[in-house]
Amino acid sequence: MTDLAPTPRFTIKGWHVLAGLILFFGIVIVIDSVFITLAYRTFSGEAAANPYETGLLYNRTLAQRRKEAALGWSATIEEGQGDTVLVRVADRAGKPLEGLTVNGALERPATTRGQRTVRFAAVEPGVYRADAAPLDGAWDLHVTIRGAGGALFEADRRLVRP
């Protein structure tokens, strides 16, 4: 009796499986290495230029926050028409504060690129306005408010525009 079953032309052997696994994981490692290199070149992960010194000076930050609490001031940051930003400053009783110097710093949440300062001008009692154009995407606004006698108050807000 003759065997009518066709004989396979190609059979997978053990070295074929080994070569396939090595090739697959080799490609994965190369692609991951490229992505890791590109990601590190665009953002190193460093949030502060001098993190050690910033950490040592943190007690100064805590002392500043206690001084701010003693002042009793409050500040609200609002988005105005277009690319304007409004800061409303009031005392403990809710009365608008006038004659203040208000400055701001805009920066992106994930990078130090594009940092810029904005100057606020009084538009009505206790309300200060600045033009922050262009204001697309996410920005962190840090506002520094200085009053008579060296009083200092700081406020922060994340602004997000589509």
N, C-alpha and C. Protein backbone atom coordinates (compact mmCIF):
# COMPACT_ATOMS: atom_id res chain seq x y z
N MET A 1 0.82 -1.17 0.00
CA MET A 1 0.00 0.00 0.00
C MET A 1 0.88 1.25 0.00
N THR A 2 0.57 2.20 -0.83
CA THR A 2 1.36 3.43 -0.94
C THR A 2 0.75 4.52 -0.08
N ASP A 3 1.62 5.37 0.47
CA ASP A 3 1.17 6.49 1.32
C ASP A 3 0.82 7.67 0.43
N LEU A 4 -0.47 8.09 0.44
CA LEU A 4 -0.91 9.18 -0.42
C LEU A 4 -0.84 10.55 0.26
N ALA A 5 -0.44 10.60 1.52
CA ALA A 5 -0.35 11.89 2.24
C ALA A 5 0.82 12.68 1.69
N PRO A 6 0.59 13.98 1.42
CA PRO A 6 1.70 14.78 0.88
C PRO A 6 2.78 15.00 1.94
N THR A 7 3.97 15.04 1.52
CA THR A 7 5.07 15.31 2.45
C THR A 7 5.24 16.83 2.54
N PRO A 8 5.36 17.36 3.77
CA PRO A 8 5.51 18.82 3.89
C PRO A 8 6.85 19.27 3.34
N ARG A 9 6.81 20.40 2.63
CA ARG A 9 8.03 20.94 2.07
C ARG A 9 8.87 21.64 3.14
N PHE A 10 8.17 22.25 4.14
CA PHE A 10 8.88 23.00 5.18
C PHE A 10 8.36 22.58 6.55
N THR A 11 9.22 22.30 7.46
CA THR A 11 8.83 21.98 8.83
C THR A 11 9.54 22.95 9.78
N ILE A 12 8.79 23.39 10.77
CA ILE A 12 9.35 24.31 11.75
C ILE A 12 10.17 23.49 12.73
N LYS A 13 11.41 23.88 12.84
CA LYS A 13 12.33 23.20 13.74
C LYS A 13 12.58 24.10 14.95
N GLY A 14 13.26 23.60 15.91
CA GLY A 14 13.55 24.34 17.15
C GLY A 14 14.34 25.61 16.91
N TRP A 15 15.29 25.61 15.98
CA TRP A 15 16.07 26.82 15.74
C TRP A 15 15.24 27.89 15.05
N HIS A 16 14.19 27.51 14.32
CA HIS A 16 13.29 28.50 13.71
C HIS A 16 12.53 29.27 14.81
N VAL A 17 12.06 28.54 15.80
CA VAL A 17 11.35 29.17 16.92
C VAL A 17 12.29 30.10 17.68
N LEU A 18 13.51 29.63 17.95
CA LEU A 18 14.50 30.45 18.65
C LEU A 18 14.81 31.72 17.86
N ALA A 19 15.03 31.60 16.58
CA ALA A 19 15.33 32.76 15.73
C ALA A 19 14.16 33.74 15.72
N GLY A 20 12.92 33.23 15.65
CA GLY A 20 11.74 34.09 15.67
C GLY A 20 11.62 34.86 16.98
N LEU A 21 11.85 34.19 18.11
CA LEU A 21 11.78 34.86 19.40
C LEU A 21 12.85 35.93 19.54
N ILE A 22 14.07 35.60 19.15
CA ILE A 22 15.16 36.57 19.23
C ILE A 22 14.87 37.77 18.34
N LEU A 23 14.39 37.54 17.14
CA LEU A 23 14.06 38.64 16.23
C LEU A 23 12.94 39.51 16.79
N PHE A 24 11.88 38.89 17.32
CA PHE A 24 10.76 39.64 17.88
C PHE A 24 11.21 40.53 19.03
N PHE A 25 11.88 39.93 20.02
CA PHE A 25 12.29 40.73 21.18
C PHE A 25 13.39 41.73 20.82
N GLY A 26 14.20 41.42 19.84
CA GLY A 26 15.20 42.39 19.38
C GLY A 26 14.55 43.64 18.80
N ILE A 27 13.51 43.45 18.00
CA ILE A 27 12.77 44.58 17.42
C ILE A 27 12.10 45.40 18.52
N VAL A 28 11.49 44.75 19.49
CA VAL A 28 10.83 45.44 20.60
C VAL A 28 11.85 46.28 21.39
N ILE A 29 13.01 45.71 21.69
CA ILE A 29 14.04 46.42 22.44
C ILE A 29 14.56 47.63 21.66
N VAL A 30 14.77 47.50 20.37
CA VAL A 30 15.25 48.62 19.55
C VAL A 30 14.21 49.74 19.52
N ILE A 31 12.96 49.42 19.31
CA ILE A 31 11.91 50.44 19.25
C ILE A 31 11.76 51.13 20.60
N ASP A 32 11.77 50.37 21.70
CA ASP A 32 11.68 50.97 23.04
C ASP A 32 12.86 51.89 23.31
N SER A 33 14.04 51.48 22.88
CA SER A 33 15.24 52.31 23.08
C SER A 33 15.11 53.64 22.34
N VAL A 34 14.59 53.59 21.13
CA VAL A 34 14.40 54.82 20.36
C VAL A 34 13.40 55.74 21.05
N PHE A 35 12.28 55.19 21.50
CA PHE A 35 11.26 56.01 22.17
C PHE A 35 11.78 56.59 23.49
N ILE A 36 12.52 55.81 24.26
CA ILE A 36 13.08 56.31 25.52
C ILE A 36 14.05 57.45 25.25
N THR A 37 14.90 57.30 24.24
CA THR A 37 15.86 58.35 23.90
C THR A 37 15.15 59.62 23.46
N LEU A 38 14.15 59.49 22.61
CA LEU A 38 13.40 60.67 22.16
C LEU A 38 12.68 61.35 23.32
N ALA A 39 12.09 60.57 24.21
CA ALA A 39 11.37 61.15 25.35
C ALA A 39 12.33 61.87 26.28
N TYR A 40 13.48 61.31 26.54
CA TYR A 40 14.44 61.95 27.46
C TYR A 40 15.01 63.23 26.85
N ARG A 41 15.21 63.24 25.55
CA ARG A 41 15.75 64.45 24.91
C ARG A 41 14.77 65.62 24.96
N THR A 42 13.46 65.32 24.93
CA THR A 42 12.48 66.41 24.93
C THR A 42 12.13 66.87 26.34
N PHE A 43 12.26 66.00 27.36
CA PHE A 43 11.99 66.40 28.74
C PHE A 43 12.75 65.49 29.68
N SER A 44 13.67 66.07 30.42
CA SER A 44 14.54 65.27 31.28
C SER A 44 13.86 64.81 32.56
N GLY A 45 12.69 65.37 32.88
CA GLY A 45 12.00 65.00 34.10
C GLY A 45 12.34 65.91 35.26
N GLU A 46 13.21 66.86 35.03
CA GLU A 46 13.64 67.78 36.07
C GLU A 46 12.61 68.88 36.23
N ALA A 47 12.01 68.97 37.43
CA ALA A 47 10.96 69.97 37.66
C ALA A 47 11.54 71.29 38.13
N ALA A 48 12.68 71.28 38.77
CA ALA A 48 13.32 72.51 39.25
C ALA A 48 14.77 72.50 38.80
N ALA A 49 15.30 73.67 38.51
CA ALA A 49 16.68 73.76 38.06
C ALA A 49 17.65 73.41 39.19
N ASN A 50 17.26 73.69 40.41
CA ASN A 50 18.12 73.42 41.58
C ASN A 50 17.28 72.79 42.69
N PRO A 51 16.88 71.54 42.55
CA PRO A 51 15.96 70.93 43.51
C PRO A 51 16.52 70.82 44.93
N TYR A 52 17.81 70.56 45.08
CA TYR A 52 18.38 70.42 46.42
C TYR A 52 18.29 71.74 47.19
N GLU A 53 18.70 72.84 46.54
CA GLU A 53 18.65 74.14 47.20
C GLU A 53 17.22 74.57 47.49
N THR A 54 16.31 74.26 46.57
CA THR A 54 14.90 74.58 46.78
C THR A 54 14.37 73.85 48.01
N GLY A 55 14.75 72.61 48.18
CA GLY A 55 14.33 71.85 49.34
C GLY A 55 14.87 72.43 50.63
N LEU A 56 16.11 72.89 50.62
CA LEU A 56 16.70 73.49 51.81
C LEU A 56 16.01 74.79 52.20
N LEU A 57 15.51 75.52 51.22
CA LEU A 57 14.88 76.81 51.47
C LEU A 57 13.38 76.69 51.73
N TYR A 58 12.86 75.47 51.86
CA TYR A 58 11.43 75.29 52.03
C TYR A 58 10.90 75.93 53.31
N ASN A 59 11.73 76.02 54.34
CA ASN A 59 11.29 76.68 55.58
C ASN A 59 10.96 78.15 55.33
N ARG A 60 11.68 78.78 54.38
CA ARG A 60 11.34 80.17 54.02
C ARG A 60 9.96 80.23 53.38
N THR A 61 9.65 79.25 52.57
CA THR A 61 8.33 79.20 51.94
C THR A 61 7.24 79.07 52.99
N LEU A 62 7.46 78.21 53.97
CA LEU A 62 6.48 78.04 55.04
C LEU A 62 6.31 79.32 55.85
N ALA A 63 7.41 80.04 56.12
CA ALA A 63 7.33 81.31 56.85
C ALA A 63 6.54 82.34 56.03
N GLN A 64 6.75 82.36 54.70
CA GLN A 64 6.01 83.28 53.84
C GLN A 64 4.52 82.97 53.87
N ARG A 65 4.15 81.70 53.87
CA ARG A 65 2.73 81.32 53.92
C ARG A 65 2.09 81.76 55.24
N ARG A 66 2.84 81.70 56.35
CA ARG A 66 2.31 82.17 57.64
C ARG A 66 2.09 83.69 57.61
N LYS A 67 3.01 84.42 56.98
CA LYS A 67 2.84 85.88 56.86
C LYS A 67 1.61 86.21 56.02
N GLU A 68 1.40 85.45 54.94
CA GLU A 68 0.23 85.67 54.08
C GLU A 68 -1.06 85.41 54.85
N ALA A 69 -1.07 84.38 55.66
CA ALA A 69 -2.27 84.07 56.44
C ALA A 69 -2.54 85.18 57.45
N ALA A 70 -1.50 85.77 58.01
CA ALA A 70 -1.68 86.86 58.96
C ALA A 70 -2.23 88.12 58.28
N LEU A 71 -1.87 88.33 57.01
CA LEU A 71 -2.41 89.49 56.27
C LEU A 71 -3.92 89.38 56.11
N GLY A 72 -4.40 88.19 55.87
CA GLY A 72 -5.83 87.99 55.69
C GLY A 72 -6.33 88.34 54.30
N TRP A 73 -5.43 88.52 53.36
CA TRP A 73 -5.83 88.85 52.00
C TRP A 73 -6.34 87.60 51.29
N SER A 74 -7.15 87.83 50.27
CA SER A 74 -7.57 86.74 49.38
C SER A 74 -7.45 87.23 47.95
N ALA A 75 -7.09 86.31 47.07
CA ALA A 75 -6.95 86.66 45.66
C ALA A 75 -7.62 85.58 44.83
N THR A 76 -8.42 86.01 43.87
CA THR A 76 -9.02 85.07 42.92
C THR A 76 -8.53 85.43 41.52
N ILE A 77 -8.19 84.41 40.78
CA ILE A 77 -7.68 84.59 39.42
C ILE A 77 -8.75 84.08 38.47
N GLU A 78 -9.14 84.94 37.53
CA GLU A 78 -10.20 84.61 36.58
C GLU A 78 -9.72 84.85 35.16
N GLU A 79 -10.28 84.10 34.24
CA GLU A 79 -10.01 84.35 32.83
C GLU A 79 -10.99 85.39 32.34
N GLY A 80 -10.46 86.46 31.71
CA GLY A 80 -11.32 87.51 31.19
C GLY A 80 -11.64 87.29 29.72
N GLN A 81 -12.07 88.34 29.05
CA GLN A 81 -12.38 88.27 27.63
C GLN A 81 -11.10 88.09 26.83
N GLY A 82 -11.16 87.26 25.80
CA GLY A 82 -9.98 87.03 24.96
C GLY A 82 -8.89 86.34 25.75
N ASP A 83 -7.70 86.89 25.68
CA ASP A 83 -6.56 86.32 26.39
C ASP A 83 -6.19 87.15 27.61
N THR A 84 -7.15 87.77 28.24
CA THR A 84 -6.86 88.55 29.43
C THR A 84 -7.10 87.72 30.69
N VAL A 85 -6.39 88.11 31.74
CA VAL A 85 -6.52 87.45 33.03
C VAL A 85 -6.80 88.52 34.07
N LEU A 86 -7.76 88.25 34.95
CA LEU A 86 -8.12 89.19 36.01
C LEU A 86 -7.74 88.62 37.36
N VAL A 87 -7.23 89.49 38.23
CA VAL A 87 -6.93 89.12 39.61
C VAL A 87 -7.72 90.05 40.51
N ARG A 88 -8.55 89.47 41.36
CA ARG A 88 -9.33 90.25 42.33
C ARG A 88 -8.71 90.03 43.70
N VAL A 89 -8.37 91.15 44.36
CA VAL A 89 -7.71 91.09 45.66
C VAL A 89 -8.58 91.80 46.69
N ALA A 90 -8.80 91.12 47.82
CA ALA A 90 -9.62 91.69 48.88
C ALA A 90 -8.96 91.44 50.23
N ASP A 91 -9.32 92.26 51.22
CA ASP A 91 -8.79 92.06 52.57
C ASP A 91 -9.66 91.05 53.31
N ARG A 92 -9.40 90.91 54.61
CA ARG A 92 -10.10 89.92 55.42
C ARG A 92 -11.62 90.17 55.44
N ALA A 93 -12.02 91.43 55.38
CA ALA A 93 -13.44 91.79 55.42
C ALA A 93 -14.10 91.72 54.05
N GLY A 94 -13.33 91.42 53.00
CA GLY A 94 -13.88 91.36 51.65
C GLY A 94 -13.82 92.67 50.91
N LYS A 95 -13.20 93.69 51.50
CA LYS A 95 -13.08 95.00 50.87
C LYS A 95 -11.95 94.96 49.83
N PRO A 96 -12.20 95.47 48.61
CA PRO A 96 -11.16 95.46 47.56
C PRO A 96 -9.93 96.26 47.98
N LEU A 97 -8.75 95.73 47.66
CA LEU A 97 -7.49 96.39 47.99
C LEU A 97 -6.98 97.14 46.77
N GLU A 98 -6.62 98.39 46.98
CA GLU A 98 -6.12 99.23 45.89
C GLU A 98 -4.65 99.56 46.11
N GLY A 99 -4.01 100.06 45.05
CA GLY A 99 -2.63 100.52 45.15
C GLY A 99 -1.61 99.41 45.26
N LEU A 100 -1.93 98.26 44.76
CA LEU A 100 -1.02 97.13 44.83
C LEU A 100 -0.22 96.99 43.53
N THR A 101 0.93 96.35 43.62
CA THR A 101 1.72 96.01 42.44
C THR A 101 1.52 94.52 42.20
N VAL A 102 0.98 94.19 41.04
CA VAL A 102 0.65 92.79 40.73
C VAL A 102 1.44 92.37 39.49
N ASN A 103 2.23 91.33 39.65
CA ASN A 103 3.00 90.75 38.54
C ASN A 103 2.71 89.26 38.47
N GLY A 104 2.87 88.71 37.28
CA GLY A 104 2.61 87.29 37.12
C GLY A 104 3.65 86.60 36.27
N ALA A 105 3.74 85.29 36.43
CA ALA A 105 4.63 84.47 35.62
C ALA A 105 3.81 83.31 35.06
N LEU A 106 3.84 83.17 33.76
CA LEU A 106 3.15 82.08 33.07
C LEU A 106 4.17 81.04 32.63
N GLU A 107 3.85 79.77 32.89
CA GLU A 107 4.71 78.70 32.40
C GLU A 107 3.87 77.46 32.14
N ARG A 108 4.36 76.61 31.28
CA ARG A 108 3.68 75.37 30.97
C ARG A 108 3.84 74.41 32.13
N PRO A 109 2.84 73.56 32.39
CA PRO A 109 2.93 72.64 33.53
C PRO A 109 4.05 71.61 33.41
N ALA A 110 4.39 71.19 32.21
CA ALA A 110 5.35 70.09 32.06
C ALA A 110 6.73 70.50 31.59
N THR A 111 6.94 71.77 31.30
CA THR A 111 8.24 72.18 30.78
C THR A 111 8.50 73.63 31.14
N THR A 112 9.76 74.02 31.06
CA THR A 112 10.11 75.42 31.32
C THR A 112 10.13 76.25 30.03
N ARG A 113 9.89 75.61 28.91
CA ARG A 113 9.86 76.35 27.63
C ARG A 113 8.64 77.26 27.59
N GLY A 114 8.83 78.44 27.05
CA GLY A 114 7.70 79.36 26.87
C GLY A 114 7.38 80.18 28.10
N GLN A 115 8.23 80.16 29.12
CA GLN A 115 7.97 80.98 30.30
C GLN A 115 7.93 82.45 29.91
N ARG A 116 7.02 83.17 30.56
CA ARG A 116 6.96 84.62 30.30
C ARG A 116 6.32 85.32 31.48
N THR A 117 6.58 86.59 31.57
CA THR A 117 6.00 87.38 32.65
C THR A 117 4.88 88.23 32.11
N VAL A 118 3.92 88.54 32.96
CA VAL A 118 2.81 89.42 32.59
C VAL A 118 2.68 90.49 33.66
N ARG A 119 2.34 91.68 33.23
CA ARG A 119 2.16 92.80 34.15
C ARG A 119 0.68 93.12 34.25
N PHE A 120 0.22 93.30 35.45
CA PHE A 120 -1.18 93.60 35.70
C PHE A 120 -1.33 95.09 35.98
N ALA A 121 -2.43 95.64 35.51
CA ALA A 121 -2.76 97.05 35.75
C ALA A 121 -4.15 97.10 36.39
N ALA A 122 -4.32 98.05 37.29
CA ALA A 122 -5.61 98.21 37.97
C ALA A 122 -6.65 98.71 36.97
N VAL A 123 -7.83 98.07 36.98
CA VAL A 123 -8.92 98.49 36.09
C VAL A 123 -10.11 98.99 36.89
N GLU A 124 -10.21 98.58 38.14
CA GLU A 124 -11.21 99.07 39.07
C GLU A 124 -10.72 98.71 40.47
N PRO A 125 -11.33 99.22 41.52
CA PRO A 125 -10.82 98.93 42.86
C PRO A 125 -10.73 97.42 43.14
N GLY A 126 -9.51 96.97 43.43
CA GLY A 126 -9.28 95.58 43.78
C GLY A 126 -9.21 94.62 42.61
N VAL A 127 -9.33 95.13 41.37
CA VAL A 127 -9.30 94.27 40.19
C VAL A 127 -8.13 94.69 39.30
N TYR A 128 -7.30 93.73 38.94
CA TYR A 128 -6.11 93.98 38.13
C TYR A 128 -6.18 93.07 36.91
N ARG A 129 -5.83 93.64 35.73
CA ARG A 129 -5.96 92.91 34.48
C ARG A 129 -4.63 92.90 33.74
N ALA A 130 -4.37 91.76 33.05
CA ALA A 130 -3.17 91.63 32.22
C ALA A 130 -3.54 90.93 30.93
N ASP A 131 -2.84 91.29 29.86
CA ASP A 131 -2.99 90.60 28.58
C ASP A 131 -1.98 89.46 28.57
N ALA A 132 -2.46 88.25 28.42
CA ALA A 132 -1.59 87.07 28.47
C ALA A 132 -1.52 86.34 27.14
N ALA A 133 -1.79 87.03 26.03
CA ALA A 133 -1.83 86.39 24.71
C ALA A 133 -0.45 85.89 24.31
N PRO A 134 -0.34 84.81 23.62
CA PRO A 134 -1.38 83.82 23.35
C PRO A 134 -1.55 82.89 24.55
N LEU A 135 -2.76 82.49 24.79
CA LEU A 135 -3.08 81.68 25.98
C LEU A 135 -3.80 80.40 25.56
N ASP A 136 -3.17 79.62 24.69
CA ASP A 136 -3.77 78.37 24.24
C ASP A 136 -3.14 77.20 24.99
N GLY A 137 -3.94 76.19 25.30
CA GLY A 137 -3.43 75.03 26.03
C GLY A 137 -3.45 75.25 27.53
N ALA A 138 -2.59 74.55 28.24
CA ALA A 138 -2.53 74.62 29.70
C ALA A 138 -1.36 75.50 30.13
N TRP A 139 -1.62 76.39 31.07
CA TRP A 139 -0.61 77.29 31.63
C TRP A 139 -0.78 77.36 33.14
N ASP A 140 0.31 77.47 33.86
CA ASP A 140 0.28 77.74 35.29
C ASP A 140 0.63 79.21 35.48
N LEU A 141 -0.26 79.93 36.18
CA LEU A 141 -0.04 81.35 36.44
C LEU A 141 0.30 81.52 37.92
N HIS A 142 1.46 82.11 38.18
CA HIS A 142 1.89 82.42 39.54
C HIS A 142 1.87 83.94 39.68
N VAL A 143 1.04 84.45 40.58
CA VAL A 143 0.87 85.89 40.75
C VAL A 143 1.52 86.33 42.06
N THR A 144 2.29 87.42 41.98
CA THR A 144 2.92 88.02 43.15
C THR A 144 2.30 89.39 43.35
N ILE A 145 1.75 89.60 44.55
CA ILE A 145 1.07 90.86 44.87
C ILE A 145 1.85 91.55 45.99
N ARG A 146 2.25 92.78 45.72
CA ARG A 146 3.00 93.55 46.73
C ARG A 146 2.17 94.76 47.15
N GLY A 147 2.12 94.95 48.45
CA GLY A 147 1.37 96.08 49.00
C GLY A 147 2.29 97.05 49.71
N ALA A 148 1.68 98.05 50.33
CA ALA A 148 2.45 99.05 51.07
C ALA A 148 3.12 98.37 52.27
N GLY A 149 4.29 98.88 52.62
CA GLY A 149 4.99 98.35 53.77
C GLY A 149 5.64 97.01 53.53
N GLY A 150 5.80 96.60 52.28
CA GLY A 150 6.48 95.35 51.96
C GLY A 150 5.61 94.11 52.08
N ALA A 151 4.31 94.29 52.22
CA ALA A 151 3.42 93.13 52.31
C ALA A 151 3.50 92.34 51.00
N LEU A 152 3.58 91.03 51.12
CA LEU A 152 3.71 90.16 49.96
C LEU A 152 2.69 89.05 50.03
N PHE A 153 2.01 88.81 48.90
CA PHE A 153 1.00 87.75 48.82
C PHE A 153 1.17 87.06 47.48
N GLU A 154 1.03 85.73 47.46
CA GLU A 154 1.19 84.97 46.23
C GLU A 154 -0.04 84.09 46.00
N ALA A 155 -0.37 83.91 44.73
CA ALA A 155 -1.51 83.07 44.36
C ALA A 155 -1.15 82.33 43.07
N ASP A 156 -1.73 81.15 42.92
CA ASP A 156 -1.48 80.32 41.74
C ASP A 156 -2.79 79.80 41.18
N ARG A 157 -2.79 79.59 39.86
CA ARG A 157 -3.94 78.97 39.21
C ARG A 157 -3.52 78.37 37.88
N ARG A 158 -4.09 77.23 37.55
CA ARG A 158 -3.87 76.62 36.24
C ARG A 158 -4.96 77.11 35.30
N LEU A 159 -4.55 77.65 34.17
CA LEU A 159 -5.46 78.13 33.15
C LEU A 159 -5.42 77.14 31.99
N VAL A 160 -6.60 76.70 31.55
CA VAL A 160 -6.66 75.73 30.46
C VAL A 160 -7.59 76.26 29.39
N ARG A 161 -7.05 76.40 28.20
CA ARG A 161 -7.83 76.82 27.04
C ARG A 161 -7.75 75.75 25.97
N PRO A 162 -8.84 75.48 25.27
CA PRO A 162 -8.79 74.45 24.23
C PRO A 162 -7.92 74.85 23.06
